[in-house]
N, C-alpha and C. Protein backbone atom coordinates (compact mmCIF):
# COMPACT_ATOMS: atom_id res chain seq x y z
N MET A 1 -49.15 12.49 17.06
CA MET A 1 -47.95 13.22 17.91
C MET A 1 -48.39 14.26 18.84
N ARG A 2 -48.04 14.30 19.83
CA ARG A 2 -48.39 15.48 20.73
C ARG A 2 -47.25 15.97 21.45
N LEU A 3 -47.29 17.21 21.96
CA LEU A 3 -46.27 18.01 22.48
C LEU A 3 -45.35 17.15 23.36
N ASN A 4 -46.22 16.27 24.07
CA ASN A 4 -45.43 15.71 25.34
C ASN A 4 -44.87 14.47 24.96
N GLU A 5 -44.96 14.12 23.86
CA GLU A 5 -44.08 12.95 23.09
C GLU A 5 -42.92 13.34 22.29
N LEU A 6 -42.77 14.76 22.22
CA LEU A 6 -41.46 15.22 21.63
C LEU A 6 -40.15 14.82 22.26
N LYS A 7 -39.33 14.43 21.54
CA LYS A 7 -38.09 14.27 22.28
C LYS A 7 -36.89 14.14 21.23
N ASP A 8 -35.54 14.53 21.47
CA ASP A 8 -34.37 14.49 20.55
C ASP A 8 -34.12 13.30 20.14
N ASN A 9 -33.40 13.03 19.19
CA ASN A 9 -32.93 12.00 18.41
C ASN A 9 -32.05 11.13 19.46
N ALA A 10 -31.75 9.98 19.65
CA ALA A 10 -30.99 9.36 20.52
C ALA A 10 -29.38 9.84 20.19
N GLY A 11 -28.53 10.15 21.09
CA GLY A 11 -27.32 10.71 21.22
C GLY A 11 -27.35 12.20 20.79
N ALA A 12 -28.22 12.78 20.47
CA ALA A 12 -28.51 14.43 20.18
C ALA A 12 -27.97 15.31 21.34
N ARG A 13 -28.30 15.08 22.59
CA ARG A 13 -27.94 15.77 23.45
C ARG A 13 -27.06 14.79 24.53
N LYS A 14 -25.48 15.34 24.55
CA LYS A 14 -24.72 14.32 25.34
C LYS A 14 -24.53 15.26 26.55
N MET A 15 -24.33 14.76 27.70
CA MET A 15 -23.76 15.41 29.10
C MET A 15 -22.54 15.41 29.01
N ARG A 16 -21.89 16.43 29.56
CA ARG A 16 -20.56 16.67 29.58
C ARG A 16 -20.16 15.70 30.86
N VAL A 17 -18.54 15.39 30.63
CA VAL A 17 -18.01 14.49 31.76
C VAL A 17 -17.71 15.43 32.97
N ARG A 18 -18.13 15.21 34.28
CA ARG A 18 -17.86 15.74 35.28
C ARG A 18 -17.01 15.14 36.48
N VAL A 19 -15.65 15.62 36.26
CA VAL A 19 -14.60 14.73 36.83
C VAL A 19 -14.45 15.31 38.17
N GLY A 20 -13.97 14.51 39.20
CA GLY A 20 -13.86 14.64 40.42
C GLY A 20 -14.98 14.83 41.28
N ARG A 21 -15.87 13.87 40.65
CA ARG A 21 -17.34 14.05 41.64
C ARG A 21 -17.70 12.80 42.06
N GLY A 22 -16.76 11.85 42.89
CA GLY A 22 -16.76 11.08 43.64
C GLY A 22 -16.63 9.72 43.09
N ILE A 23 -16.26 8.36 43.91
CA ILE A 23 -15.74 7.11 43.46
C ILE A 23 -16.77 6.52 42.62
N GLY A 24 -18.07 7.16 42.77
CA GLY A 24 -18.93 6.22 41.79
C GLY A 24 -19.16 6.75 40.53
N SER A 25 -18.63 8.11 40.11
CA SER A 25 -18.69 8.33 38.42
C SER A 25 -17.57 7.84 37.93
N GLY A 26 -16.54 7.10 38.69
CA GLY A 26 -15.41 6.47 37.59
C GLY A 26 -14.18 7.57 37.28
N LEU A 27 -14.74 8.77 37.92
CA LEU A 27 -13.39 9.95 37.48
C LEU A 27 -13.72 10.78 38.71
N GLY A 28 -13.29 9.91 39.76
CA GLY A 28 -13.37 10.42 41.24
C GLY A 28 -11.85 10.77 41.57
N LYS A 29 -11.32 11.11 42.81
CA LYS A 29 -10.26 11.33 43.39
C LYS A 29 -9.20 12.06 42.51
N GLN A 30 -8.41 11.50 41.75
CA GLN A 30 -7.52 12.27 40.88
C GLN A 30 -8.00 12.90 39.56
N ALA A 31 -9.52 12.42 39.26
CA ALA A 31 -10.06 12.79 38.11
C ALA A 31 -9.33 12.78 36.72
N GLY A 32 -8.60 11.32 36.74
CA GLY A 32 -8.15 11.25 35.20
C GLY A 32 -6.69 11.94 35.04
N ARG A 33 -6.17 12.50 36.11
CA ARG A 33 -4.92 13.20 35.88
C ARG A 33 -3.72 12.13 36.47
N GLY A 34 -3.90 10.90 36.67
CA GLY A 34 -2.93 10.26 37.28
C GLY A 34 -2.77 10.42 38.72
N GLY A 35 -0.90 10.37 38.82
CA GLY A 35 -0.90 10.34 40.46
C GLY A 35 -0.66 11.82 40.47
N LYS A 36 0.20 12.21 41.75
CA LYS A 36 0.42 13.33 42.00
C LYS A 36 1.63 13.93 41.57
N GLY A 37 2.12 15.30 41.95
CA GLY A 37 3.10 15.84 41.23
C GLY A 37 2.76 16.94 40.22
N GLN A 38 4.02 17.15 39.55
CA GLN A 38 3.72 18.45 38.50
C GLN A 38 2.35 18.37 37.63
N THR A 39 2.25 16.85 37.11
CA THR A 39 1.42 16.88 35.96
C THR A 39 -0.01 17.16 36.39
N ALA A 40 -0.11 16.74 37.81
CA ALA A 40 -1.62 16.89 38.40
C ALA A 40 -1.82 18.06 38.57
N ARG A 41 -1.15 19.23 38.54
CA ARG A 41 -1.61 20.67 38.55
C ARG A 41 -1.47 21.46 37.26
N SER A 42 -2.14 22.49 37.29
CA SER A 42 -2.53 23.15 36.15
C SER A 42 -1.25 24.22 35.71
N GLY A 43 -0.93 24.49 34.66
CA GLY A 43 0.26 25.46 34.04
C GLY A 43 1.59 24.44 34.02
N VAL A 44 1.41 23.13 33.34
CA VAL A 44 2.64 22.42 33.30
C VAL A 44 2.86 22.70 31.77
N ALA A 45 4.38 22.92 31.63
CA ALA A 45 5.00 22.95 30.36
C ALA A 45 6.31 22.13 30.40
N ILE A 46 5.84 20.70 30.50
CA ILE A 46 7.06 20.07 30.76
C ILE A 46 7.78 19.85 29.31
N GLY A 47 7.04 19.69 28.36
CA GLY A 47 7.50 19.51 27.03
C GLY A 47 8.43 20.60 26.27
N GLY A 48 8.11 21.83 26.95
CA GLY A 48 8.63 22.80 26.24
C GLY A 48 9.22 23.93 27.04
N PHE A 49 8.94 24.18 28.43
CA PHE A 49 9.64 25.21 29.18
C PHE A 49 10.96 24.74 29.80
N GLU A 50 12.14 25.17 29.90
CA GLU A 50 13.06 24.66 30.59
C GLU A 50 13.68 25.53 31.66
N GLY A 51 12.87 26.01 32.25
CA GLY A 51 13.27 27.05 33.39
C GLY A 51 13.72 27.99 33.24
N GLY A 52 13.53 28.83 31.89
CA GLY A 52 14.32 30.03 31.44
C GLY A 52 15.63 29.72 30.50
N GLN A 53 15.93 28.43 30.36
CA GLN A 53 17.18 28.13 29.72
C GLN A 53 16.56 28.16 28.35
N MET A 54 17.31 28.16 27.28
CA MET A 54 16.92 28.28 25.88
C MET A 54 16.47 26.87 25.72
N PRO A 55 15.02 26.45 25.11
CA PRO A 55 14.72 25.21 24.81
C PRO A 55 15.12 24.58 23.85
N LEU A 56 15.11 23.33 23.97
CA LEU A 56 15.90 22.43 22.99
C LEU A 56 15.39 22.61 21.39
N HIS A 57 14.09 22.90 21.40
CA HIS A 57 13.51 22.88 20.08
C HIS A 57 14.00 24.33 19.32
N ARG A 58 14.57 25.16 20.13
CA ARG A 58 15.20 26.57 19.67
C ARG A 58 16.68 26.45 19.70
N ARG A 59 17.47 25.66 20.23
CA ARG A 59 18.83 25.32 20.27
C ARG A 59 19.24 24.82 19.22
N LEU A 60 18.32 23.87 18.55
CA LEU A 60 18.61 23.24 17.35
C LEU A 60 18.45 23.95 16.11
N PRO A 61 19.53 23.89 15.15
CA PRO A 61 19.51 24.46 13.74
C PRO A 61 18.08 23.94 13.03
N LYS A 62 17.94 24.93 12.19
CA LYS A 62 16.98 24.64 11.33
C LYS A 62 17.19 23.88 10.19
N ARG A 63 16.60 22.84 9.85
CA ARG A 63 17.17 22.08 8.72
C ARG A 63 16.12 21.88 7.65
N GLY A 64 16.33 21.79 6.60
CA GLY A 64 15.52 21.20 5.43
C GLY A 64 14.40 22.51 4.76
N PHE A 65 13.47 21.90 3.88
CA PHE A 65 12.75 22.87 3.26
C PHE A 65 11.38 22.30 3.00
N ASN A 66 10.29 22.90 3.57
CA ASN A 66 8.81 22.30 3.35
C ASN A 66 8.28 23.28 2.29
N ALA A 67 7.91 22.62 1.13
CA ALA A 67 7.08 23.17 0.03
C ALA A 67 5.85 23.95 0.61
N TRP A 68 5.38 25.31 0.09
CA TRP A 68 4.37 25.88 0.68
C TRP A 68 2.92 25.24 0.33
N ARG A 69 2.76 24.65 -0.91
CA ARG A 69 1.76 23.92 -1.28
C ARG A 69 2.11 22.71 -2.35
N PRO A 70 2.44 21.75 -1.52
CA PRO A 70 3.23 20.51 -2.23
C PRO A 70 2.11 19.83 -2.87
N GLU A 71 2.25 19.31 -4.21
CA GLU A 71 1.20 18.59 -4.81
C GLU A 71 1.52 17.13 -4.61
N LYS A 72 0.08 16.75 -4.22
CA LYS A 72 0.18 15.05 -3.90
C LYS A 72 -0.67 14.25 -5.03
N TYR A 73 0.09 13.21 -5.42
CA TYR A 73 -0.34 12.59 -6.39
C TYR A 73 -0.71 11.15 -6.21
N ASN A 74 -1.55 10.57 -7.02
CA ASN A 74 -2.25 9.01 -6.75
C ASN A 74 -0.64 8.24 -7.43
N GLU A 75 -0.32 7.23 -6.57
CA GLU A 75 0.92 6.51 -7.40
C GLU A 75 0.28 5.19 -7.54
N ILE A 76 0.42 4.46 -8.80
CA ILE A 76 0.00 3.18 -8.85
C ILE A 76 1.25 2.49 -10.04
N ASN A 77 1.53 1.19 -9.44
CA ASN A 77 2.52 0.43 -10.03
C ASN A 77 1.77 -0.40 -11.27
N ILE A 78 2.76 -0.53 -12.50
CA ILE A 78 2.43 -1.07 -13.42
C ILE A 78 1.68 -2.62 -13.22
N GLY A 79 2.52 -3.14 -12.23
CA GLY A 79 1.68 -4.49 -11.56
C GLY A 79 0.38 -4.55 -11.13
N ALA A 80 0.20 -3.38 -10.49
CA ALA A 80 -1.31 -3.29 -10.25
C ALA A 80 -2.25 -2.97 -11.36
N LEU A 81 -1.88 -2.40 -12.32
CA LEU A 81 -2.26 -2.06 -13.75
C LEU A 81 -2.68 -3.39 -14.28
N GLN A 82 -1.59 -4.30 -14.45
CA GLN A 82 -1.90 -5.45 -15.03
C GLN A 82 -2.85 -6.22 -14.29
N ALA A 83 -2.68 -6.54 -12.95
CA ALA A 83 -3.79 -7.33 -11.97
C ALA A 83 -5.25 -6.70 -12.47
N ALA A 84 -5.46 -5.43 -12.52
CA ALA A 84 -6.77 -5.19 -12.67
C ALA A 84 -7.14 -5.38 -14.08
N ILE A 85 -6.59 -5.61 -15.19
CA ILE A 85 -7.00 -5.91 -16.44
C ILE A 85 -7.05 -7.26 -16.60
N ASP A 86 -6.06 -8.07 -15.78
CA ASP A 86 -6.51 -9.50 -15.54
C ASP A 86 -7.79 -9.86 -14.83
N GLY A 87 -7.95 -9.16 -13.93
CA GLY A 87 -9.38 -9.18 -13.17
C GLY A 87 -10.60 -8.72 -13.76
N GLY A 88 -10.36 -7.97 -14.93
CA GLY A 88 -11.58 -7.39 -15.69
C GLY A 88 -12.00 -6.29 -15.25
N ARG A 89 -11.17 -5.63 -14.28
CA ARG A 89 -11.68 -4.20 -13.77
C ARG A 89 -11.15 -3.23 -14.89
N LEU A 90 -10.38 -3.27 -15.56
CA LEU A 90 -9.89 -2.41 -16.40
C LEU A 90 -9.95 -2.84 -17.86
N SER A 91 -10.07 -2.12 -18.97
CA SER A 91 -10.10 -2.52 -20.37
C SER A 91 -8.96 -2.22 -20.81
N ALA A 92 -7.74 -2.95 -21.61
CA ALA A 92 -6.55 -2.61 -21.98
C ALA A 92 -6.85 -1.87 -23.40
N ALA A 93 -7.91 -2.16 -23.97
CA ALA A 93 -8.15 -1.47 -25.24
C ALA A 93 -8.37 0.35 -24.85
N ALA A 94 -9.16 0.60 -23.86
CA ALA A 94 -9.56 1.77 -23.73
C ALA A 94 -8.73 2.65 -22.99
N PRO A 95 -8.30 3.97 -23.24
CA PRO A 95 -7.21 4.66 -22.55
C PRO A 95 -7.53 4.91 -21.33
N ILE A 96 -6.35 4.78 -20.42
CA ILE A 96 -6.66 4.64 -19.07
C ILE A 96 -5.79 6.07 -18.45
N ASP A 97 -6.66 6.67 -17.77
CA ASP A 97 -6.52 8.10 -16.92
C ASP A 97 -6.75 7.86 -15.47
N ASN A 98 -6.79 8.77 -14.85
CA ASN A 98 -7.29 8.96 -13.53
C ASN A 98 -8.51 8.62 -13.35
N ALA A 99 -9.39 9.12 -13.97
CA ALA A 99 -10.67 8.99 -13.87
C ALA A 99 -11.35 7.50 -13.83
N MET A 100 -10.45 6.98 -14.86
CA MET A 100 -10.95 5.38 -15.17
C MET A 100 -10.49 4.70 -13.86
N LEU A 101 -9.14 4.83 -13.42
CA LEU A 101 -8.36 3.92 -12.35
C LEU A 101 -9.67 4.13 -11.06
N ILE A 102 -10.09 5.47 -10.86
CA ILE A 102 -11.03 5.88 -10.01
C ILE A 102 -12.31 4.87 -10.00
N ALA A 103 -12.81 4.87 -11.36
CA ALA A 103 -14.00 3.97 -11.62
C ALA A 103 -13.85 2.73 -11.26
N ALA A 104 -12.42 2.02 -11.72
CA ALA A 104 -12.43 0.73 -11.68
C ALA A 104 -12.04 0.46 -9.81
N GLY A 105 -12.05 1.34 -9.00
CA GLY A 105 -11.65 1.18 -7.83
C GLY A 105 -10.28 0.87 -7.16
N LEU A 106 -9.51 1.23 -8.40
CA LEU A 106 -8.01 1.08 -7.83
C LEU A 106 -7.41 2.50 -7.20
N MET A 107 -8.19 3.47 -7.21
CA MET A 107 -7.91 4.58 -6.06
C MET A 107 -9.17 5.21 -5.74
N ARG A 108 -9.16 6.17 -4.79
CA ARG A 108 -10.32 6.63 -4.07
C ARG A 108 -10.85 7.78 -4.80
N ARG A 109 -9.67 8.61 -4.75
CA ARG A 109 -10.17 9.81 -5.06
C ARG A 109 -9.11 10.63 -5.99
N PRO A 110 -9.26 11.55 -6.91
CA PRO A 110 -8.41 12.06 -7.67
C PRO A 110 -7.78 13.17 -6.91
N LYS A 111 -6.46 13.31 -6.85
CA LYS A 111 -5.36 14.08 -6.03
C LYS A 111 -4.94 15.27 -7.18
N ASP A 112 -3.75 15.73 -7.12
CA ASP A 112 -3.18 16.66 -7.99
C ASP A 112 -2.91 16.02 -9.37
N GLY A 113 -2.99 14.61 -9.07
CA GLY A 113 -2.49 14.00 -10.48
C GLY A 113 -2.06 12.49 -10.54
N LEU A 114 -1.59 12.02 -11.46
CA LEU A 114 -1.32 10.50 -11.28
C LEU A 114 0.15 10.13 -11.73
N ARG A 115 0.96 9.47 -10.86
CA ARG A 115 2.51 9.00 -11.02
C ARG A 115 2.35 7.62 -11.28
N LEU A 116 3.09 7.11 -12.28
CA LEU A 116 3.22 5.70 -12.89
C LEU A 116 4.46 5.19 -12.20
N LEU A 117 4.67 4.06 -11.58
CA LEU A 117 5.68 3.64 -11.18
C LEU A 117 6.05 2.17 -11.57
N GLY A 118 7.40 1.71 -11.75
CA GLY A 118 7.75 0.61 -12.47
C GLY A 118 7.82 -0.74 -11.60
N GLU A 119 7.01 -0.82 -10.42
CA GLU A 119 7.06 -2.20 -9.92
C GLU A 119 6.37 -3.43 -10.50
N GLY A 120 6.49 -4.48 -10.42
CA GLY A 120 5.77 -5.54 -11.07
C GLY A 120 6.14 -5.53 -12.65
N GLU A 121 5.22 -6.09 -13.42
CA GLU A 121 5.45 -6.34 -14.63
C GLU A 121 4.14 -6.28 -15.41
N ILE A 122 4.09 -5.64 -16.81
CA ILE A 122 2.80 -5.40 -17.65
C ILE A 122 3.03 -6.30 -18.81
N LYS A 123 2.08 -6.76 -19.37
CA LYS A 123 2.06 -7.71 -20.47
C LYS A 123 1.25 -6.89 -21.37
N ALA A 124 0.12 -6.31 -21.18
CA ALA A 124 -1.17 -5.71 -21.94
C ALA A 124 -0.39 -4.36 -22.52
N LYS A 125 -1.00 -4.40 -23.73
CA LYS A 125 -0.68 -3.32 -24.66
C LYS A 125 -1.52 -2.06 -24.01
N VAL A 126 -1.32 -0.96 -23.37
CA VAL A 126 -2.36 0.11 -22.92
C VAL A 126 -1.81 1.39 -23.29
N ALA A 127 -2.46 2.19 -23.30
CA ALA A 127 -2.33 3.86 -23.57
C ALA A 127 -2.77 4.49 -22.23
N ILE A 128 -1.62 5.02 -21.36
CA ILE A 128 -2.11 5.50 -20.48
C ILE A 128 -1.59 7.07 -20.38
N THR A 129 -2.46 7.89 -19.60
CA THR A 129 -2.36 9.09 -19.68
C THR A 129 -1.99 9.49 -17.84
N VAL A 130 -0.87 10.12 -17.78
CA VAL A 130 -0.49 10.44 -16.40
C VAL A 130 0.46 11.63 -16.33
N ASN A 131 0.73 12.22 -14.83
CA ASN A 131 1.43 13.43 -14.81
C ASN A 131 3.23 13.27 -14.90
N HIS A 132 3.58 12.04 -14.13
CA HIS A 132 5.00 11.55 -13.99
C HIS A 132 4.74 10.02 -14.29
N ALA A 133 6.03 9.43 -14.86
CA ALA A 133 6.16 8.25 -15.10
C ALA A 133 7.85 7.89 -14.63
N SER A 134 8.01 6.93 -13.97
CA SER A 134 9.32 6.80 -13.86
C SER A 134 9.97 6.25 -14.78
N ALA A 135 11.32 5.99 -15.20
CA ALA A 135 11.91 5.68 -16.29
C ALA A 135 11.69 4.25 -16.40
N SER A 136 11.68 3.52 -15.32
CA SER A 136 11.21 1.75 -15.38
C SER A 136 9.89 1.41 -15.88
N ALA A 137 9.14 2.34 -15.45
CA ALA A 137 7.61 1.95 -15.73
C ALA A 137 7.51 2.64 -17.33
N ARG A 138 8.07 3.47 -17.89
CA ARG A 138 7.99 3.86 -19.17
C ARG A 138 8.73 2.85 -20.14
N ALA A 139 9.99 2.17 -19.63
CA ALA A 139 10.52 1.22 -20.52
C ALA A 139 9.41 0.15 -20.82
N ALA A 140 9.14 -0.29 -19.41
CA ALA A 140 8.06 -1.41 -19.15
C ALA A 140 6.80 -1.19 -20.23
N VAL A 141 6.11 -0.33 -20.09
CA VAL A 141 5.08 0.05 -20.88
C VAL A 141 5.08 -0.13 -22.22
N GLU A 142 6.63 0.54 -22.85
CA GLU A 142 6.72 0.67 -24.09
C GLU A 142 7.34 -0.53 -24.69
N LYS A 143 7.94 -1.58 -23.66
CA LYS A 143 8.39 -2.66 -24.20
C LYS A 143 7.23 -3.60 -24.65
N ALA A 144 6.05 -3.42 -23.87
CA ALA A 144 4.76 -4.16 -23.92
C ALA A 144 4.08 -3.80 -25.19
N GLY A 145 4.41 -2.77 -25.89
CA GLY A 145 3.77 -1.98 -26.79
C GLY A 145 2.73 -1.02 -26.71
N GLY A 146 2.68 -0.51 -25.26
CA GLY A 146 2.01 0.36 -25.02
C GLY A 146 2.35 1.88 -25.22
N SER A 147 1.76 2.99 -24.85
CA SER A 147 2.14 4.27 -24.98
C SER A 147 1.81 5.01 -23.63
N ILE A 148 2.79 5.98 -23.10
CA ILE A 148 2.60 6.81 -22.23
C ILE A 148 2.37 8.10 -22.56
N THR A 149 1.43 9.04 -22.13
CA THR A 149 0.89 10.31 -22.48
C THR A 149 1.25 11.30 -21.48
N LEU A 150 2.02 12.24 -21.45
CA LEU A 150 2.50 13.00 -20.02
C LEU A 150 1.35 14.26 -20.14
N ILE A 151 0.82 14.51 -18.97
CA ILE A 151 -0.02 15.73 -18.91
C ILE A 151 0.75 16.84 -18.68
N ALA A 152 0.89 17.90 -19.70
CA ALA A 152 1.49 19.09 -19.36
C ALA A 152 1.26 19.87 -18.34
N LYS A 153 1.97 20.68 -17.23
CA LYS A 153 1.93 21.44 -16.09
C LYS A 153 1.10 22.48 -16.82
N LYS A 154 -0.01 22.82 -16.09
CA LYS A 154 -0.87 24.09 -16.42
C LYS A 154 -0.13 25.60 -15.76
N ILE A 155 0.37 26.35 -16.70
CA ILE A 155 0.95 27.52 -16.22
C ILE A 155 0.33 28.63 -16.38
N LEU A 156 -0.22 29.44 -15.60
CA LEU A 156 -1.12 30.53 -15.52
C LEU A 156 -0.52 31.92 -16.30
N PRO A 157 -1.27 32.48 -17.18
CA PRO A 157 -0.67 33.69 -17.91
C PRO A 157 0.35 34.54 -16.98
N ALA A 158 -0.55 35.01 -15.57
CA ALA A 158 0.33 35.84 -14.72
C ALA A 158 1.78 35.32 -14.39
N ASP A 159 1.64 33.95 -14.19
CA ASP A 159 3.04 33.42 -13.82
C ASP A 159 3.95 33.39 -14.81
N GLU A 160 3.47 33.19 -15.90
CA GLU A 160 4.21 33.31 -17.11
C GLU A 160 4.76 34.67 -17.65
N ALA A 161 4.21 35.63 -17.34
CA ALA A 161 4.45 36.90 -17.64
C ALA A 161 5.40 37.34 -16.30
N LYS A 162 5.51 36.91 -15.28
CA LYS A 162 6.36 37.24 -13.92
C LYS A 162 7.30 36.46 -14.33
N ARG A 163 7.52 35.22 -14.72
CA ARG A 163 8.87 34.45 -15.17
C ARG A 163 9.65 35.41 -16.38
N LYS A 164 8.88 35.52 -17.14
CA LYS A 164 9.45 36.30 -18.48
C LYS A 164 10.14 38.03 -17.94
N LYS A 165 9.24 38.42 -17.19
CA LYS A 165 9.88 39.83 -16.21
C LYS A 165 11.22 39.58 -15.67
N THR A 166 11.10 38.70 -14.63
CA THR A 166 12.30 38.17 -13.95
C THR A 166 13.36 37.66 -14.79
N ALA A 167 13.23 37.07 -15.99
CA ALA A 167 14.38 36.58 -16.84
C ALA A 167 14.86 37.70 -17.41
N ALA A 168 14.02 38.63 -17.74
CA ALA A 168 14.42 39.99 -18.49
C ALA A 168 15.47 40.80 -17.57
N LYS A 169 14.69 41.06 -16.42
CA LYS A 169 15.68 41.75 -15.16
C LYS A 169 16.86 40.97 -15.14
N LYS A 170 16.97 39.57 -15.23
CA LYS A 170 18.32 39.22 -14.79
C LYS A 170 19.32 39.14 -15.84
N ALA A 171 18.79 39.24 -16.99
CA ALA A 171 19.47 39.22 -18.30
C ALA A 171 20.21 40.89 -18.36
N LYS A 172 19.23 41.71 -18.09
CA LYS A 172 20.04 43.19 -17.95
C LYS A 172 20.83 43.36 -17.02
N THR A 173 20.99 42.89 -15.78
CA THR A 173 21.79 43.03 -14.93
C THR A 173 22.98 42.12 -14.83
N GLY A 174 22.86 40.94 -15.53
CA GLY A 174 23.85 39.82 -16.04
C GLY A 174 24.23 38.91 -15.02
N LYS A 175 23.41 39.19 -14.10
CA LYS A 175 23.49 38.22 -12.83
C LYS A 175 22.97 36.69 -13.07
N LYS A 176 23.45 35.83 -12.51
CA LYS A 176 22.78 34.37 -12.63
C LYS A 176 22.09 34.02 -11.36
N LYS A 177 21.70 33.31 -11.17
CA LYS A 177 21.00 32.44 -9.82
C LYS A 177 22.18 32.15 -8.86
N GLY A 178 22.02 32.67 -7.67
CA GLY A 178 23.11 31.91 -6.63
C GLY A 178 24.52 32.71 -6.84
N SER A 179 24.74 33.62 -7.77
CA SER A 179 26.26 34.06 -7.96
C SER A 179 26.17 35.65 -7.12
N GLU A 180 27.38 35.94 -6.54
CA GLU A 180 27.10 36.98 -5.88
C GLU A 180 28.36 37.86 -6.30
N GLU A 181 28.47 39.34 -6.46
CA GLU A 181 29.27 39.80 -6.86
C GLU A 181 29.62 40.97 -5.89
C-alpha cells in the first residue's frame, strides 16, 4: 500500500445537500419548501403561535397523570406459552422465567419484569415465575396443575425508612391522606 492509494471507506464522507443550486440538482427553484407563502419563508410558527392570542395548547386544561419512571413489562399470554411448549422451544418440566422465555425466542429483551396474561389456553403443567399475573391466567395455570410464583417488588432500605417516617408523622398528627381540616 502506498500513500497515494489511501482512501476513506465507502460512505464515510458524505457531501451535504446544497439546496437552491439550479434545476439540475433536483432541489432548485423552491429548494424543497413547496409552494410560495408563509411556509416558504423562515420564522414560521403555524402550529403554535396564534398572533398573540392564547394558544390552543395553553387554553385547554391539563388532564391525567404521567408516571415519572413507568415500569415496562414483557407480556405473554398462556396460549403463547402452550404453543412454545408444543413446538419444543420450552420445556414444561423446567421452571419458566423471563430469561428462559428470551432464550426460547418468545421475547427479545428483559424489561422490568414479566406479566402473564390469560388469552388462550394451557394444558401443560408449568411452574412459572412472573412479576404479575392476571386472574384468568392464574386460574388457567392452576387448573392445568401448574403453579405461579410472584416476584416480590424490591424495596430499598432508604425508601422503607422514608415510608416509616411518613407513617409515624401522619399517626402523630392524626391526619389521613386526602383529608383537610
